[in-house]
Amino acid sequence: MEGIMLLDSGATENFMSLEYAKWLRLPIKRLPKLHMLLNVNGTLNKQGRLEYYTDLQVQTGSQQYNM
């Protein structure tokens, strides 16, 4: 059986712009190696590459997560 489906990887909630991270005054770190960003269909994402990251502690209700 074949069918068409929509896949949501959830990655949208794991990325933010560098400008917004700076505005929030997050501790920004540079990745040792650039990572190319691809869309679900295999095309290059318009942002091109991932250069920076930050570690976050997120709380939802009483649950805490380190991301």
Protein backbone atom coordinates (compact mmCIF):
# COMPACT_ATOMS: atom_id res chain seq x y z
CA MET A 1 0.00 0.00 0.00
CA GLU A 2 1.28 3.48 -0.87
CA GLY A 3 0.21 6.87 0.39
CA ILE A 4 1.21 10.47 0.78
CA MET A 5 2.08 11.74 4.23
CA LEU A 6 3.37 14.86 5.93
CA LEU A 7 6.40 14.40 8.17
CA ASP A 8 7.04 16.88 10.99
CA SER A 9 10.52 16.33 12.42
CA GLY A 10 9.90 18.91 15.14
CA ALA A 11 13.17 20.68 14.31
CA THR A 12 11.44 24.06 14.06
CA GLU A 13 11.29 24.26 17.82
CA ASN A 14 15.00 23.48 18.21
CA PHE A 15 16.44 26.36 16.20
CA MET A 16 16.51 30.12 16.64
CA SER A 17 18.23 32.93 14.81
CA LEU A 18 21.67 34.06 15.96
CA GLU A 19 20.33 37.59 16.33
CA TYR A 20 17.57 36.42 18.69
CA ALA A 21 20.04 34.36 20.76
CA LYS A 22 22.27 37.43 21.10
CA TRP A 23 19.26 39.57 22.07
CA LEU A 24 18.43 37.03 24.80
CA ARG A 25 22.10 37.19 25.87
CA LEU A 26 22.48 33.43 25.67
CA PRO A 27 25.98 31.94 25.95
CA ILE A 28 26.66 31.25 22.26
CA LYS A 29 29.27 28.62 21.33
CA ARG A 30 30.78 27.89 17.92
CA LEU A 31 30.56 24.33 16.63
CA PRO A 32 33.95 22.76 15.81
CA LYS A 33 32.58 21.76 12.38
CA LEU A 34 29.85 23.42 10.30
CA HIS A 35 26.70 21.35 9.71
CA MET A 36 24.78 21.74 6.46
CA LEU A 37 21.04 22.16 7.02
CA LEU A 38 18.80 20.12 4.75
CA ASN A 39 15.05 20.21 4.38
CA VAL A 40 12.96 17.05 4.58
CA ASN A 41 12.98 16.80 0.77
CA GLY A 42 16.80 16.86 0.71
CA THR A 43 17.20 20.42 -0.55
CA LEU A 44 19.56 22.86 1.14
CA ASN A 45 17.81 24.96 3.78
CA LYS A 46 17.75 28.70 3.02
CA GLN A 47 19.78 29.33 6.21
CA GLY A 48 22.51 27.13 4.70
CA ARG A 49 24.49 25.88 7.66
CA LEU A 50 24.58 25.58 11.42
CA GLU A 51 27.58 27.34 13.00
CA TYR A 52 26.62 28.05 16.62
CA TYR A 53 24.81 26.43 19.53
CA THR A 54 23.87 27.06 23.14
CA ASP A 55 22.93 24.79 26.01
CA LEU A 56 19.50 25.44 27.48
CA GLN A 57 17.56 24.19 30.47
CA VAL A 58 13.86 24.06 29.62
CA GLN A 59 11.06 23.63 32.14
CA THR A 60 7.51 22.51 31.36
CA GLY A 61 5.41 22.41 34.51
CA SER A 62 7.52 20.56 37.04
CA GLN A 63 9.65 18.75 34.41
CA GLN A 64 13.11 20.11 33.53
CA TYR A 65 15.11 19.19 30.45
CA ASN A 66 18.68 20.04 29.44
CA MET A 67 18.89 20.70 25.73
